[in-house]
Amino acid sequence: MTAPSRPPSPTRPTQAGAGVELLFLRDEDMRQAQDLLMVACRAFTGVIDSALQEYGLGHAHHRIMQAVALQPGIAVGALLDVLGITKQSMSRALGELLAMGALRQETAPEDRRKRRLYLSPHGAEIESHLFSLQREVLLRVYRKAGGKAVDGFRRVMRGLIDESDMPDVSTDSFSSPDRSSR
């Protein structure tokens, strides 16, 4: 008996470009995507390594500052959820940012048990500098890739977030944040 016939596979381009529709994704395509995400993330965060070192900060500090810049007044508990880390993991970095005056915390008027976090002017300056370093990389890469590729990238990133187990992260609208220190 002969094996059932398969529909012919589409001709795969030798190099996938922006806007190329991949109908059949193989494990090697998925491995490549996984590897690219890992290396790209490392490269993108590496852009700010020397600046972080100059400030005496690490990537955990940056992630906290970035989250607070995106959501001024975020409660400490909500910050834990957004970053997906434990209180113990965040405690040291958060304490250091508060001690150096990069962040300030206020008691929430509606619930005195809640602490709200804001960037101080000094913290806003640091976060803005770090953002500008990564912004320059994104601008170069986005311009080189073109509008369709940037739109596709955003759809993929939002899809990864939507597929994750992160109920507090909404991809409905990523509006420009108010980066003021209030």
Protein backbone atom coordinates (compact mmCIF):
# COMPACT_ATOMS: atom_id res chain seq x y z
CA MET A 1 0.00 0.00 0.00
CA THR A 2 1.31 3.45 -0.84
CA ALA A 3 1.55 6.33 1.59
CA PRO A 4 -1.17 8.97 1.33
CA SER A 5 -0.12 11.80 -0.91
CA ARG A 6 0.59 15.19 0.60
CA PRO A 7 -0.35 18.44 -1.01
CA PRO A 8 2.69 19.96 -2.64
CA SER A 9 4.52 22.36 -0.34
CA PRO A 10 4.72 25.94 -1.45
CA THR A 11 7.96 27.24 -2.80
CA ARG A 12 9.80 28.67 0.13
CA PRO A 13 11.80 31.80 -0.48
CA THR A 14 15.50 31.42 0.20
CA GLN A 15 15.42 34.51 2.38
CA ALA A 16 12.21 35.57 4.12
CA GLY A 17 11.71 39.29 3.74
CA ALA A 18 9.23 41.72 5.25
CA GLY A 19 5.68 40.86 4.30
CA VAL A 20 6.47 37.30 3.16
CA GLU A 21 3.60 35.03 4.09
CA LEU A 22 4.87 31.78 5.60
CA LEU A 23 2.17 29.19 5.23
CA PHE A 24 4.06 26.26 6.69
CA LEU A 25 6.28 26.86 9.69
CA ARG A 26 8.68 24.10 10.52
CA ASP A 27 10.46 23.38 13.78
CA GLU A 28 13.61 24.91 12.34
CA ASP A 29 11.66 28.13 11.69
CA MET A 30 10.44 28.11 15.30
CA ARG A 31 13.96 27.42 16.62
CA GLN A 32 15.27 30.28 14.52
CA ALA A 33 12.59 32.62 15.90
CA GLN A 34 13.40 31.54 19.46
CA ASP A 35 17.12 32.06 18.90
CA LEU A 36 16.58 35.43 17.24
CA LEU A 37 14.40 36.63 20.13
CA MET A 38 17.00 35.56 22.69
CA VAL A 39 19.95 37.14 20.89
CA ALA A 40 18.02 40.30 19.93
CA CYS A 41 16.87 40.78 23.52
CA ARG A 42 20.44 40.40 24.77
CA ALA A 43 21.73 42.82 22.11
CA PHE A 44 18.99 45.38 22.76
CA THR A 45 19.51 45.37 26.53
CA GLY A 46 23.28 45.41 25.97
CA VAL A 47 22.99 48.82 24.29
CA ILE A 48 22.61 50.41 27.73
CA ASP A 49 25.15 48.31 29.65
CA SER A 50 27.92 50.93 29.82
CA ALA A 51 25.45 53.69 30.82
CA LEU A 52 23.98 51.46 33.52
CA GLN A 53 27.48 50.78 34.82
CA GLU A 54 28.22 54.53 34.94
CA TYR A 55 25.07 55.06 37.01
CA GLY A 56 25.89 52.08 39.23
CA LEU A 57 22.71 50.33 38.12
CA GLY A 58 21.77 46.98 36.67
CA HIS A 59 19.08 45.71 34.37
CA ALA A 60 16.68 45.11 37.28
CA HIS A 61 16.94 48.80 38.19
CA HIS A 62 16.27 49.75 34.57
CA ARG A 63 13.22 47.52 34.31
CA ILE A 64 11.76 49.09 37.45
CA MET A 65 12.45 52.61 36.21
CA GLN A 66 11.03 51.80 32.78
CA ALA A 67 7.82 50.39 34.30
CA VAL A 68 7.41 53.40 36.59
CA ALA A 69 8.03 55.77 33.65
CA LEU A 70 5.32 54.00 31.66
CA GLN A 71 2.88 54.01 34.59
CA PRO A 72 3.62 56.88 36.99
CA GLY A 73 1.99 56.23 40.34
CA ILE A 74 2.05 52.47 39.91
CA ALA A 75 1.51 50.59 43.15
CA VAL A 76 4.36 48.39 44.33
CA GLY A 77 2.13 45.30 44.10
CA ALA A 78 1.17 46.13 40.52
CA LEU A 79 4.84 46.67 39.68
CA LEU A 80 5.59 43.18 40.94
CA ASP A 81 2.90 41.81 38.64
CA VAL A 82 4.06 43.80 35.61
CA LEU A 83 7.67 42.72 36.06
CA GLY A 84 6.70 39.15 36.91
CA ILE A 85 9.11 38.90 39.81
CA THR A 86 8.85 38.19 43.51
CA LYS A 87 8.85 40.82 46.23
CA GLN A 88 12.20 39.49 47.41
CA SER A 89 13.73 39.84 43.94
CA MET A 90 12.53 43.41 43.55
CA SER A 91 13.21 44.56 47.09
CA ARG A 92 16.95 45.21 46.79
CA ALA A 93 16.81 47.07 43.46
CA LEU A 94 13.77 49.10 44.51
CA GLY A 95 15.43 50.02 47.81
CA GLU A 96 18.57 51.15 46.00
CA LEU A 97 16.58 53.31 43.57
CA LEU A 98 14.73 54.93 46.47
CA ALA A 99 17.98 55.46 48.42
CA MET A 100 19.73 57.11 45.48
CA GLY A 101 16.75 59.38 44.90
CA ALA A 102 15.83 58.00 41.46
CA LEU A 103 12.36 57.03 42.67
CA ARG A 104 10.02 58.45 45.22
CA GLN A 105 7.08 56.76 46.82
CA GLU A 106 3.89 58.22 48.16
CA THR A 107 1.14 56.73 50.22
CA ALA A 108 -1.98 56.29 48.12
CA PRO A 109 -4.71 58.67 49.34
CA GLU A 110 -7.44 56.06 48.74
CA ASP A 111 -5.62 53.34 50.71
CA ARG A 112 -2.83 54.23 53.11
CA ARG A 113 -1.47 50.68 52.88
CA LYS A 114 -0.58 51.16 49.20
CA ARG A 115 2.63 52.84 48.10
CA ARG A 116 2.70 54.58 44.73
CA LEU A 117 5.96 54.97 42.83
CA TYR A 118 7.13 57.90 40.72
CA LEU A 119 10.38 58.80 39.03
CA SER A 120 12.12 61.73 40.68
CA PRO A 121 13.57 64.38 38.38
CA HIS A 122 16.94 62.61 38.76
CA GLY A 123 15.35 59.24 37.97
CA ALA A 124 13.49 60.69 34.98
CA GLU A 125 16.80 62.02 33.65
CA ILE A 126 18.46 58.61 33.98
CA GLU A 127 15.52 56.74 32.46
CA SER A 128 15.31 59.24 29.61
CA HIS A 129 19.01 58.82 28.84
CA LEU A 130 18.70 55.02 28.81
CA PHE A 131 15.59 55.28 26.64
CA SER A 132 17.39 57.56 24.17
CA LEU A 133 20.18 54.99 23.72
CA GLN A 134 17.70 52.22 22.90
CA ARG A 135 15.53 54.61 20.88
CA GLU A 136 18.41 55.31 18.50
CA VAL A 137 18.84 51.60 17.83
CA LEU A 138 15.12 51.13 17.23
CA LEU A 139 15.00 54.12 14.88
CA ARG A 140 17.85 52.75 12.76
CA VAL A 141 16.41 49.26 12.66
CA TYR A 142 12.83 50.40 12.01
CA ARG A 143 13.92 52.69 9.17
CA LYS A 144 15.97 49.92 7.62
CA ALA A 145 13.16 47.36 7.91
CA GLY A 146 10.34 49.59 6.66
CA GLY A 147 6.77 50.20 7.76
CA LYS A 148 5.31 46.79 6.91
CA ALA A 149 8.05 45.02 8.83
CA VAL A 150 7.57 47.30 11.86
CA ASP A 151 3.83 46.62 11.80
CA GLY A 152 4.51 42.88 11.56
CA PHE A 153 6.99 43.10 14.43
CA ARG A 154 4.42 44.83 16.61
CA ARG A 155 1.79 42.21 15.77
CA VAL A 156 4.22 39.42 16.69
CA MET A 157 5.22 41.09 19.99
CA ARG A 158 1.59 41.75 20.94
CA GLY A 159 0.73 38.17 20.00
CA LEU A 160 3.48 36.86 22.27
CA ILE A 161 2.17 38.98 25.13
CA ASP A 162 -1.45 37.97 24.46
CA GLU A 163 -0.42 34.29 24.45
CA SER A 164 1.45 34.68 27.73
CA ASP A 165 0.07 34.23 31.20
CA MET A 166 0.22 37.95 31.98
CA PRO A 167 -3.33 39.08 32.77
CA ASP A 168 -2.19 42.54 33.88
CA VAL A 169 -0.53 43.38 30.57
CA SER A 170 -2.86 44.77 27.96
CA THR A 171 -1.86 45.08 24.33
CA ASP A 172 -5.02 46.94 23.36
CA SER A 173 -3.29 50.28 23.24
CA PHE A 174 0.27 51.16 23.88
CA SER A 175 -0.11 54.90 23.95
CA SER A 176 2.75 57.27 24.51
CA PRO A 177 3.29 57.42 28.24
CA ASP A 178 3.45 60.59 30.27
CA ARG A 179 7.08 60.49 31.35
CA SER A 180 6.80 63.44 33.70
CA SER A 181 7.79 62.99 37.29
CA ARG A 182 4.47 64.51 38.35
